Amino acid sequence: EDSSVGHENRAPVVPAKGTTKEKKRARGRNSSMKRYLRK
């Protein structure tokens, strides 16, 4: 899902109570991980 769907089509994720939300790093369409997974 992370490699195929953009941010606009992804359902919002609500973190559980007492947990910290992980920071999204390099999750854009042209990130290196996305290019690797697409190839």
PDB file of all heavy atoms in Angstrom:
ATOM      1  N   GLU A   1       0.826  -1.201   0.000  1.00  0.00           N
ATOM      2  CA  GLU A   1       0.000   0.000   0.000  1.00  0.00           C
ATOM      3  C   GLU A   1       0.863   1.255   0.000  1.00  0.00           C
ATOM      4  O   GLU A   1       0.609   2.206  -0.729  1.00  0.00           O
ATOM      5  CB  GLU A   1      -0.890  -0.019   1.241  1.00  0.00           C
ATOM      6  CG  GLU A   1      -1.801   1.199   1.368  1.00  0.00           C
ATOM      7  CD  GLU A   1      -2.650   1.125   2.611  1.00  0.00           C
ATOM      8  OE1 GLU A   1      -2.584   0.098   3.294  1.00  0.00           O
ATOM      9  OE2 GLU A   1      -3.362   2.100   2.881  1.00  0.00           O
ATOM     10  N   ASP A   2       1.947   1.236   0.797  1.00  0.00           N
ATOM     11  CA  ASP A   2       2.818   2.398   0.844  1.00  0.00           C
ATOM     12  C   ASP A   2       3.508   2.644  -0.488  1.00  0.00           C
ATOM     13  O   ASP A   2       3.811   3.777  -0.850  1.00  0.00           O
ATOM     14  CB  ASP A   2       3.864   2.218   1.942  1.00  0.00           C
ATOM     15  CG  ASP A   2       3.228   2.247   3.326  1.00  0.00           C
ATOM     16  OD1 ASP A   2       2.079   2.730   3.443  1.00  0.00           O
ATOM     17  OD2 ASP A   2       3.870   1.770   4.265  1.00  0.00           O
ATOM     18  N   SER A   3       3.791   1.564  -1.231  1.00  0.00           N
ATOM     19  CA  SER A   3       4.511   1.721  -2.490  1.00  0.00           C
ATOM     20  C   SER A   3       3.603   2.008  -3.659  1.00  0.00           C
ATOM     21  O   SER A   3       4.081   2.366  -4.716  1.00  0.00           O
ATOM     22  CB  SER A   3       5.316   0.438  -2.787  1.00  0.00           C
ATOM     23  OG  SER A   3       4.425  -0.656  -2.906  1.00  0.00           O
ATOM     24  N   SER A   4       2.302   1.813  -3.529  1.00  0.00           N
ATOM     25  CA  SER A   4       1.404   1.946  -4.678  1.00  0.00           C
ATOM     26  C   SER A   4       0.414   3.093  -4.542  1.00  0.00           C
ATOM     27  O   SER A   4      -0.053   3.614  -5.539  1.00  0.00           O
ATOM     28  CB  SER A   4       0.632   0.639  -4.884  1.00  0.00           C
ATOM     29  OG  SER A   4       1.515  -0.429  -5.057  1.00  0.00           O
ATOM     30  N   VAL A   5       0.054   3.492  -3.352  1.00  0.00           N
ATOM     31  CA  VAL A   5      -1.020   4.458  -3.155  1.00  0.00           C
ATOM     32  C   VAL A   5      -0.425   5.772  -2.685  1.00  0.00           C
ATOM     33  O   VAL A   5       0.500   5.803  -1.854  1.00  0.00           O
ATOM     34  CB  VAL A   5      -2.042   3.923  -2.114  1.00  0.00           C
ATOM     35  CG1 VAL A   5      -3.206   4.893  -1.990  1.00  0.00           C
ATOM     36  CG2 VAL A   5      -2.531   2.559  -2.532  1.00  0.00           C
ATOM     37  N   GLY A   6      -0.933   6.876  -3.224  1.00  0.00           N
ATOM     38  CA  GLY A   6      -0.485   8.191  -2.803  1.00  0.00           C
ATOM     39  C   GLY A   6      -1.108   8.586  -1.482  1.00  0.00           C
ATOM     40  O   GLY A   6      -1.961   7.904  -0.904  1.00  0.00           O
ATOM     41  N   HIS A   7      -0.682   9.731  -0.964  1.00  0.00           N
ATOM     42  CA  HIS A   7      -1.185  10.183   0.328  1.00  0.00           C
ATOM     43  C   HIS A   7      -2.659  10.550   0.252  1.00  0.00           C
ATOM     44  O   HIS A   7      -3.380  10.442   1.248  1.00  0.00           O
ATOM     45  CB  HIS A   7      -0.370  11.385   0.796  1.00  0.00           C
ATOM     46  CG  HIS A   7       1.051  11.027   1.123  1.00  0.00           C
ATOM     47  ND1 HIS A   7       1.412  10.358   2.276  1.00  0.00           N
ATOM     48  CD2 HIS A   7       2.196  11.222   0.416  1.00  0.00           C
ATOM     49  CE1 HIS A   7       2.734  10.181   2.289  1.00  0.00           C
ATOM     50  NE2 HIS A   7       3.226  10.686   1.166  1.00  0.00           N
ATOM     51  N   GLU A   8      -3.137  10.985  -0.912  1.00  0.00           N
ATOM     52  CA  GLU A   8      -4.515  11.431  -0.989  1.00  0.00           C
ATOM     53  C   GLU A   8      -5.494  10.270  -0.934  1.00  0.00           C
ATOM     54  O   GLU A   8      -6.654  10.455  -0.527  1.00  0.00           O
ATOM     55  CB  GLU A   8      -4.736  12.245  -2.260  1.00  0.00           C
ATOM     56  CG  GLU A   8      -4.554  11.454  -3.553  1.00  0.00           C
ATOM     57  CD  GLU A   8      -3.100  11.303  -3.948  1.00  0.00           C
ATOM     58  OE1 GLU A   8      -2.239  11.801  -3.188  1.00  0.00           O
ATOM     59  OE2 GLU A   8      -2.844  10.696  -5.002  1.00  0.00           O
ATOM     60  N   ASN A   9      -5.091   9.057  -1.332  1.00  0.00           N
ATOM     61  CA  ASN A   9      -5.990   7.902  -1.324  1.00  0.00           C
ATOM     62  C   ASN A   9      -5.829   7.042  -0.081  1.00  0.00           C
ATOM     63  O   ASN A   9      -6.469   6.013   0.040  1.00  0.00           O
ATOM     64  CB  ASN A   9      -5.727   7.024  -2.560  1.00  0.00           C
ATOM     65  CG  ASN A   9      -6.032   7.773  -3.833  1.00  0.00           C
ATOM     66  OD1 ASN A   9      -6.867   8.668  -3.832  1.00  0.00           O
ATOM     67  ND2 ASN A   9      -5.366   7.390  -4.922  1.00  0.00           N
ATOM     68  N   ARG A  10      -4.962   7.425   0.804  1.00  0.00           N
ATOM     69  CA  ARG A  10      -4.687   6.600   1.966  1.00  0.00           C
ATOM     70  C   ARG A  10      -5.597   7.013   3.110  1.00  0.00           C
ATOM     71  O   ARG A  10      -5.794   8.196   3.381  1.00  0.00           O
ATOM     72  CB  ARG A  10      -3.218   6.751   2.356  1.00  0.00           C
ATOM     73  CG  ARG A  10      -2.712   5.633   3.226  1.00  0.00           C
ATOM     74  CD  ARG A  10      -1.234   5.817   3.476  1.00  0.00           C
ATOM     75  NE  ARG A  10      -0.498   5.838   2.236  1.00  0.00           N
ATOM     76  CZ  ARG A  10       0.719   6.310   2.135  1.00  0.00           C
ATOM     77  NH1 ARG A  10       1.333   6.790   3.190  1.00  0.00           N
ATOM     78  NH2 ARG A  10       1.330   6.314   0.960  1.00  0.00           N
ATOM     79  N   ALA A  11      -6.153   6.036   3.819  1.00  0.00           N
ATOM     80  CA  ALA A  11      -7.044   6.327   4.941  1.00  0.00           C
ATOM     81  C   ALA A  11      -6.246   6.916   6.103  1.00  0.00           C
ATOM     82  O   ALA A  11      -5.102   6.484   6.351  1.00  0.00           O
ATOM     83  CB  ALA A  11      -7.750   5.053   5.392  1.00  0.00           C
ATOM     84  N   PRO A  12      -6.790   7.877   6.835  1.00  0.00           N
ATOM     85  CA  PRO A  12      -6.050   8.464   7.960  1.00  0.00           C
ATOM     86  C   PRO A  12      -5.851   7.440   9.064  1.00  0.00           C
ATOM     87  O   PRO A  12      -6.755   6.665   9.391  1.00  0.00           O
ATOM     88  CB  PRO A  12      -6.940   9.626   8.400  1.00  0.00           C
ATOM     89  CG  PRO A  12      -8.303   9.265   7.920  1.00  0.00           C
ATOM     90  CD  PRO A  12      -8.106   8.497   6.660  1.00  0.00           C
ATOM     91  N   VAL A  13      -4.660   7.430   9.628  1.00  0.00           N
ATOM     92  CA  VAL A  13      -4.316   6.508  10.705  1.00  0.00           C
ATOM     93  C   VAL A  13      -4.288   7.289  11.994  1.00  0.00           C
ATOM     94  O   VAL A  13      -3.550   8.268  12.138  1.00  0.00           O
ATOM     95  CB  VAL A  13      -2.944   5.842  10.440  1.00  0.00           C
ATOM     96  CG1 VAL A  13      -2.600   4.889  11.566  1.00  0.00           C
ATOM     97  CG2 VAL A  13      -2.967   5.109   9.103  1.00  0.00           C
ATOM     98  N   VAL A  14      -5.089   6.869  12.977  1.00  0.00           N
ATOM     99  CA  VAL A  14      -5.173   7.529  14.274  1.00  0.00           C
ATOM    100  C   VAL A  14      -4.320   6.748  15.259  1.00  0.00           C
ATOM    101  O   VAL A  14      -4.548   5.543  15.456  1.00  0.00           O
ATOM    102  CB  VAL A  14      -6.632   7.588  14.772  1.00  0.00           C
ATOM    103  CG1 VAL A  14      -6.689   8.277  16.127  1.00  0.00           C
ATOM    104  CG2 VAL A  14      -7.495   8.301  13.746  1.00  0.00           C
ATOM    105  N   PRO A  15      -3.273   7.325  15.818  1.00  0.00           N
ATOM    106  CA  PRO A  15      -2.432   6.579  16.760  1.00  0.00           C
ATOM    107  C   PRO A  15      -3.192   6.244  18.025  1.00  0.00           C
ATOM    108  O   PRO A  15      -4.107   6.962  18.443  1.00  0.00           O
ATOM    109  CB  PRO A  15      -1.264   7.545  17.018  1.00  0.00           C
ATOM    110  CG  PRO A  15      -1.820   8.897  16.737  1.00  0.00           C
ATOM    111  CD  PRO A  15      -2.817   8.715  15.640  1.00  0.00           C
ATOM    112  N   ALA A  16      -2.809   5.119  18.624  1.00  0.00           N
ATOM    113  CA  ALA A  16      -3.472   4.693  19.853  1.00  0.00           C
ATOM    114  C   ALA A  16      -3.117   5.646  20.998  1.00  0.00           C
ATOM    115  O   ALA A  16      -2.133   6.384  20.948  1.00  0.00           O
ATOM    116  CB  ALA A  16      -3.066   3.260  20.197  1.00  0.00           C
ATOM    117  N   LYS A  17      -3.910   5.580  22.027  1.00  0.00           N
ATOM    118  CA  LYS A  17      -3.721   6.461  23.162  1.00  0.00           C
ATOM    119  C   LYS A  17      -2.437   6.088  23.908  1.00  0.00           C
ATOM    120  O   LYS A  17      -2.201   4.917  24.199  1.00  0.00           O
ATOM    121  CB  LYS A  17      -4.919   6.368  24.099  1.00  0.00           C
ATOM    122  CG  LYS A  17      -4.890   7.396  25.216  1.00  0.00           C
ATOM    123  CD  LYS A  17      -6.152   7.317  26.051  1.00  0.00           C
ATOM    124  CE  LYS A  17      -6.143   8.378  27.150  1.00  0.00           C
ATOM    125  NZ  LYS A  17      -7.365   8.296  27.975  1.00  0.00           N
ATOM    126  N   GLY A  18      -1.627   7.065  24.219  1.00  0.00           N
ATOM    127  CA  GLY A  18      -0.378   6.805  24.929  1.00  0.00           C
ATOM    128  C   GLY A  18       0.791   6.485  24.031  1.00  0.00           C
ATOM    129  O   GLY A  18       1.876   6.179  24.535  1.00  0.00           O
ATOM    130  N   THR A  19       0.605   6.514  22.720  1.00  0.00           N
ATOM    131  CA  THR A  19       1.694   6.227  21.778  1.00  0.00           C
ATOM    132  C   THR A  19       2.006   7.488  20.989  1.00  0.00           C
ATOM    133  O   THR A  19       1.130   8.339  20.778  1.00  0.00           O
ATOM    134  CB  THR A  19       1.319   5.101  20.811  1.00  0.00           C
ATOM    135  OG1 THR A  19       0.168   5.493  20.070  1.00  0.00           O
ATOM    136  CG2 THR A  19       1.024   3.816  21.590  1.00  0.00           C
ATOM    137  N   THR A  20       3.236   7.583  20.513  1.00  0.00           N
ATOM    138  CA  THR A  20       3.667   8.732  19.715  1.00  0.00           C
ATOM    139  C   THR A  20       3.629   8.360  18.247  1.00  0.00           C
ATOM    140  O   THR A  20       4.023   7.246  17.859  1.00  0.00           O
ATOM    141  CB  THR A  20       5.091   9.155  20.114  1.00  0.00           C
ATOM    142  OG1 THR A  20       5.964   8.047  19.900  1.00  0.00           O
ATOM    143  CG2 THR A  20       5.137   9.581  21.583  1.00  0.00           C
ATOM    144  N   LYS A  21       3.168   9.286  17.442  1.00  0.00           N
ATOM    145  CA  LYS A  21       3.075   9.050  16.010  1.00  0.00           C
ATOM    146  C   LYS A  21       4.461   9.138  15.378  1.00  0.00           C
ATOM    147  O   LYS A  21       5.204  10.087  15.627  1.00  0.00           O
ATOM    148  CB  LYS A  21       2.147  10.090  15.375  1.00  0.00           C
ATOM    149  CG  LYS A  21       1.903   9.841  13.893  1.00  0.00           C
ATOM    150  CD  LYS A  21       0.924  10.850  13.342  1.00  0.00           C
ATOM    151  CE  LYS A  21       0.685  10.608  11.872  1.00  0.00           C
ATOM    152  NZ  LYS A  21      -0.265  11.598  11.305  1.00  0.00           N
ATOM    153  N   GLU A  22       4.805   8.113  14.558  1.00  0.00           N
ATOM    154  CA  GLU A  22       6.109   8.080  13.914  1.00  0.00           C
ATOM    155  C   GLU A  22       6.168   9.125  12.811  1.00  0.00           C
ATOM    156  O   GLU A  22       5.230   9.297  12.050  1.00  0.00           O
ATOM    157  CB  GLU A  22       6.371   6.689  13.327  1.00  0.00           C
ATOM    158  CG  GLU A  22       7.738   6.577  12.690  1.00  0.00           C
ATOM    159  CD  GLU A  22       7.922   5.228  12.043  1.00  0.00           C
ATOM    160  OE1 GLU A  22       6.954   4.442  12.069  1.00  0.00           O
ATOM    161  OE2 GLU A  22       9.017   4.967  11.510  1.00  0.00           O
ATOM    162  N   LYS A  23       7.307   9.800  12.743  1.00  0.00           N
ATOM    163  CA  LYS A  23       7.487  10.817  11.728  1.00  0.00           C
ATOM    164  C   LYS A  23       7.691  10.178  10.362  1.00  0.00           C
ATOM    165  O   LYS A  23       8.459   9.238  10.219  1.00  0.00           O
ATOM    166  CB  LYS A  23       8.697  11.679  12.077  1.00  0.00           C
ATOM    167  CG  LYS A  23       8.918  12.841  11.113  1.00  0.00           C
ATOM    168  CD  LYS A  23      10.114  13.652  11.536  1.00  0.00           C
ATOM    169  CE  LYS A  23      10.362  14.792  10.573  1.00  0.00           C
ATOM    170  NZ  LYS A  23      11.541  15.596  10.965  1.00  0.00           N
ATOM    171  N   LYS A  24       6.972  10.678   9.351  1.00  0.00           N
ATOM    172  CA  LYS A  24       7.095  10.152   7.994  1.00  0.00           C
ATOM    173  C   LYS A  24       8.300  10.801   7.326  1.00  0.00           C
ATOM    174  O   LYS A  24       8.362  12.019   7.181  1.00  0.00           O
ATOM    175  CB  LYS A  24       5.825  10.443   7.186  1.00  0.00           C
ATOM    176  CG  LYS A  24       4.582   9.773   7.761  1.00  0.00           C
ATOM    177  CD  LYS A  24       3.369  10.071   6.909  1.00  0.00           C
ATOM    178  CE  LYS A  24       2.131   9.412   7.481  1.00  0.00           C
ATOM    179  NZ  LYS A  24       0.930   9.707   6.680  1.00  0.00           N
ATOM    180  N   ARG A  25       9.218   9.936   6.926  1.00  0.00           N
ATOM    181  CA  ARG A  25      10.431  10.448   6.297  1.00  0.00           C
ATOM    182  C   ARG A  25      10.568   9.829   4.913  1.00  0.00           C
ATOM    183  O   ARG A  25      10.508   8.618   4.763  1.00  0.00           O
ATOM    184  CB  ARG A  25      11.652  10.107   7.133  1.00  0.00           C
ATOM    185  CG  ARG A  25      11.680  10.818   8.473  1.00  0.00           C
ATOM    186  CD  ARG A  25      12.884  10.384   9.282  1.00  0.00           C
ATOM    187  NE  ARG A  25      12.816   8.960   9.601  1.00  0.00           N
ATOM    188  CZ  ARG A  25      13.762   8.309  10.260  1.00  0.00           C
ATOM    189  NH1 ARG A  25      14.850   8.968  10.660  1.00  0.00           N
ATOM    190  NH2 ARG A  25      13.639   7.032  10.518  1.00  0.00           N
ATOM    191  N   ALA A  26      10.743  10.675   3.902  1.00  0.00           N
ATOM    192  CA  ALA A  26      11.015  10.245   2.514  1.00  0.00           C
ATOM    193  C   ALA A  26       9.956   9.280   2.022  1.00  0.00           C
ATOM    194  O   ALA A  26      10.247   8.192   1.556  1.00  0.00           O
ATOM    195  CB  ALA A  26      12.397   9.617   2.406  1.00  0.00           C
ATOM    196  N   ARG A  27       8.702   9.696   2.188  1.00  0.00           N
ATOM    197  CA  ARG A  27       7.610   8.846   1.712  1.00  0.00           C
ATOM    198  C   ARG A  27       6.880   9.473   0.534  1.00  0.00           C
ATOM    199  O   ARG A  27       5.731   9.160   0.276  1.00  0.00           O
ATOM    200  CB  ARG A  27       6.626   8.564   2.843  1.00  0.00           C
ATOM    201  CG  ARG A  27       7.240   7.706   3.944  1.00  0.00           C
ATOM    202  CD  ARG A  27       6.194   7.142   4.850  1.00  0.00           C
ATOM    203  NE  ARG A  27       6.788   6.284   5.861  1.00  0.00           N
ATOM    204  CZ  ARG A  27       6.073   5.603   6.760  1.00  0.00           C
ATOM    205  NH1 ARG A  27       4.764   5.694   6.757  1.00  0.00           N
ATOM    206  NH2 ARG A  27       6.682   4.850   7.643  1.00  0.00           N
ATOM    207  N   GLY A  28       7.515  10.369  -0.157  1.00  0.00           N
ATOM    208  CA  GLY A  28       6.896  10.952  -1.331  1.00  0.00           C
ATOM    209  C   GLY A  28       6.923  10.008  -2.511  1.00  0.00           C
ATOM    210  O   GLY A  28       7.436   8.891  -2.447  1.00  0.00           O
ATOM    211  N   ARG A  29       6.388  10.473  -3.620  1.00  0.00           N
ATOM    212  CA  ARG A  29       6.295   9.625  -4.810  1.00  0.00           C
ATOM    213  C   ARG A  29       7.666   9.354  -5.407  1.00  0.00           C
ATOM    214  O   ARG A  29       7.908   8.279  -5.959  1.00  0.00           O
ATOM    215  CB  ARG A  29       5.382  10.289  -5.837  1.00  0.00           C
ATOM    216  CG  ARG A  29       5.240   9.504  -7.126  1.00  0.00           C
ATOM    217  CD  ARG A  29       4.247  10.138  -8.046  1.00  0.00           C
ATOM    218  NE  ARG A  29       4.167   9.407  -9.300  1.00  0.00           N
ATOM    219  CZ  ARG A  29       3.444   8.315  -9.491  1.00  0.00           C
ATOM    220  NH1 ARG A  29       2.762   7.816  -8.489  1.00  0.00           N
ATOM    221  NH2 ARG A  29       3.414   7.715 -10.669  1.00  0.00           N
ATOM    222  N   ASN A  30       8.589  10.299  -5.287  1.00  0.00           N
ATOM    223  CA  ASN A  30       9.886  10.164  -5.930  1.00  0.00           C
ATOM    224  C   ASN A  30      10.988   9.814  -4.935  1.00  0.00           C
ATOM    225  O   ASN A  30      12.157  10.085  -5.175  1.00  0.00           O
ATOM    226  CB  ASN A  30      10.263  11.455  -6.662  1.00  0.00           C
ATOM    227  CG  ASN A  30       9.343  11.725  -7.822  1.00  0.00           C
ATOM    228  OD1 ASN A  30       8.895  10.793  -8.483  1.00  0.00           O
ATOM    229  ND2 ASN A  30       9.056  12.984  -8.063  1.00  0.00           N
ATOM    230  N   SER A  31      10.655   9.246  -3.793  1.00  0.00           N
ATOM    231  CA  SER A  31      11.691   8.834  -2.857  1.00  0.00           C
ATOM    232  C   SER A  31      12.448   7.631  -3.404  1.00  0.00           C
ATOM    233  O   SER A  31      11.988   6.924  -4.307  1.00  0.00           O
ATOM    234  CB  SER A  31      11.065   8.495  -1.504  1.00  0.00           C
ATOM    235  OG  SER A  31      10.206   7.374  -1.652  1.00  0.00           O
ATOM    236  N   SER A  32      13.617   7.401  -2.856  1.00  0.00           N
ATOM    237  CA  SER A  32      14.455   6.291  -3.336  1.00  0.00           C
ATOM    238  C   SER A  32      13.787   4.951  -3.086  1.00  0.00           C
ATOM    239  O   SER A  32      13.871   4.040  -3.919  1.00  0.00           O
ATOM    240  CB  SER A  32      15.819   6.347  -2.646  1.00  0.00           C
ATOM    241  OG  SER A  32      15.659   6.259  -1.239  1.00  0.00           O
ATOM    242  N   MET A  33      13.110   4.797  -1.934  1.00  0.00           N
ATOM    243  CA  MET A  33      12.434   3.525  -1.655  1.00  0.00           C
ATOM    244  C   MET A  33      11.292   3.286  -2.626  1.00  0.00           C
ATOM    245  O   MET A  33      11.069   2.159  -3.091  1.00  0.00           O
ATOM    246  CB  MET A  33      11.917   3.531  -0.212  1.00  0.00           C
ATOM    247  CG  MET A  33      11.142   2.257   0.155  1.00  0.00           C
ATOM    248  SD  MET A  33      12.105   0.752  -0.079  1.00  0.00           S
ATOM    249  CE  MET A  33      13.387   1.016   1.121  1.00  0.00           C
ATOM    250  N   LYS A  34      10.544   4.329  -2.999  1.00  0.00           N
ATOM    251  CA  LYS A  34       9.447   4.177  -3.949  1.00  0.00           C
ATOM    252  C   LYS A  34       9.979   3.775  -5.313  1.00  0.00           C
ATOM    253  O   LYS A  34       9.418   2.902  -5.986  1.00  0.00           O
ATOM    254  CB  LYS A  34       8.674   5.496  -4.066  1.00  0.00           C
ATOM    255  CG  LYS A  34       7.911   5.862  -2.790  1.00  0.00           C
ATOM    256  CD  LYS A  34       6.820   4.842  -2.503  1.00  0.00           C
ATOM    257  CE  LYS A  34       5.967   5.276  -1.331  1.00  0.00           C
ATOM    258  NZ  LYS A  34       6.728   5.512  -0.107  1.00  0.00           N
ATOM    259  N   ARG A  35      11.061   4.409  -5.755  1.00  0.00           N
ATOM    260  CA  ARG A  35      11.641   4.029  -7.048  1.00  0.00           C
ATOM    261  C   ARG A  35      12.133   2.592  -7.034  1.00  0.00           C
ATOM    262  O   ARG A  35      11.960   1.860  -8.011  1.00  0.00           O
ATOM    263  CB  ARG A  35      12.788   4.993  -7.396  1.00  0.00           C
ATOM    264  CG  ARG A  35      12.323   6.398  -7.724  1.00  0.00           C
ATOM    265  CD  ARG A  35      13.427   7.181  -8.399  1.00  0.00           C
ATOM    266  NE  ARG A  35      14.596   7.324  -7.535  1.00  0.00           N
ATOM    267  CZ  ARG A  35      14.797   8.347  -6.715  1.00  0.00           C
ATOM    268  NH1 ARG A  35      13.906   9.333  -6.661  1.00  0.00           N
ATOM    269  NH2 ARG A  35      15.875   8.408  -5.970  1.00  0.00           N
ATOM    270  N   TYR A  36      12.749   2.185  -5.930  1.00  0.00           N
ATOM    271  CA  TYR A  36      13.242   0.800  -5.843  1.00  0.00           C
ATOM    272  C   TYR A  36      12.091  -0.201  -5.885  1.00  0.00           C
ATOM    273  O   TYR A  36      12.143  -1.202  -6.610  1.00  0.00           O
ATOM    274  CB  TYR A  36      14.050   0.636  -4.564  1.00  0.00           C
ATOM    275  CG  TYR A  36      14.381  -0.794  -4.241  1.00  0.00           C
ATOM    276  CD1 TYR A  36      15.362  -1.476  -4.964  1.00  0.00           C
ATOM    277  CD2 TYR A  36      13.717  -1.475  -3.231  1.00  0.00           C
ATOM    278  CE1 TYR A  36      15.669  -2.782  -4.681  1.00  0.00           C
ATOM    279  CE2 TYR A  36      14.011  -2.787  -2.938  1.00  0.00           C
ATOM    280  CZ  TYR A  36      14.999  -3.442  -3.668  1.00  0.00           C
ATOM    281  OH  TYR A  36      15.289  -4.747  -3.386  1.00  0.00           O
ATOM    282  N   LEU A  37      11.012   0.107  -5.133  1.00  0.00           N
ATOM    283  CA  LEU A  37       9.879  -0.827  -5.109  1.00  0.00           C
ATOM    284  C   LEU A  37       9.158  -0.864  -6.443  1.00  0.00           C
ATOM    285  O   LEU A  37       8.706  -1.916  -6.890  1.00  0.00           O
ATOM    286  CB  LEU A  37       8.912  -0.425  -3.989  1.00  0.00           C
ATOM    287  CG  LEU A  37       9.426  -0.639  -2.557  1.00  0.00           C
ATOM    288  CD1 LEU A  37       8.428  -0.097  -1.553  1.00  0.00           C
ATOM    289  CD2 LEU A  37       9.695  -2.113  -2.293  1.00  0.00           C
ATOM    290  N   ARG A  38       9.033   0.324  -7.113  1.00  0.00           N
ATOM    291  CA  ARG A  38       8.373   0.329  -8.413  1.00  0.00           C
ATOM    292  C   ARG A  38       9.177  -0.465  -9.433  1.00  0.00           C
ATOM    293  O   ARG A  38       8.628  -1.233 -10.224  1.00  0.00           O
ATOM    294  CB  ARG A  38       8.187   1.772  -8.887  1.00  0.00           C
ATOM    295  CG  ARG A  38       7.060   2.504  -8.190  1.00  0.00           C
ATOM    296  CD  ARG A  38       6.614   3.710  -9.004  1.00  0.00           C
ATOM    297  NE  ARG A  38       7.702   4.646  -9.237  1.00  0.00           N
ATOM    298  CZ  ARG A  38       7.982   5.680  -8.450  1.00  0.00           C
ATOM    299  NH1 ARG A  38       7.259   5.898  -7.369  1.00  0.00           N
ATOM    300  NH2 ARG A  38       8.990   6.482  -8.734  1.00  0.00           N
ATOM    301  N   LYS A  39      10.486  -0.294  -9.442  1.00  0.00           N
ATOM    302  CA  LYS A  39      11.315  -1.038 -10.388  1.00  0.00           C
ATOM    303  C   LYS A  39      11.282  -2.534 -10.096  1.00  0.00           C
ATOM    304  O   LYS A  39      11.197  -3.358 -11.008  1.00  0.00           O
ATOM    305  CB  LYS A  39      12.752  -0.532 -10.315  1.00  0.00           C
ATOM    306  CG  LYS A  39      13.672  -1.186 -11.342  1.00  0.00           C
ATOM    307  CD  LYS A  39      15.050  -0.622 -11.279  1.00  0.00           C
ATOM    308  CE  LYS A  39      15.741  -1.078 -10.004  1.00  0.00           C
ATOM    309  NZ  LYS A  39      17.176  -0.712  -9.996  1.00  0.00           N
TER     310      LYS A  39
END
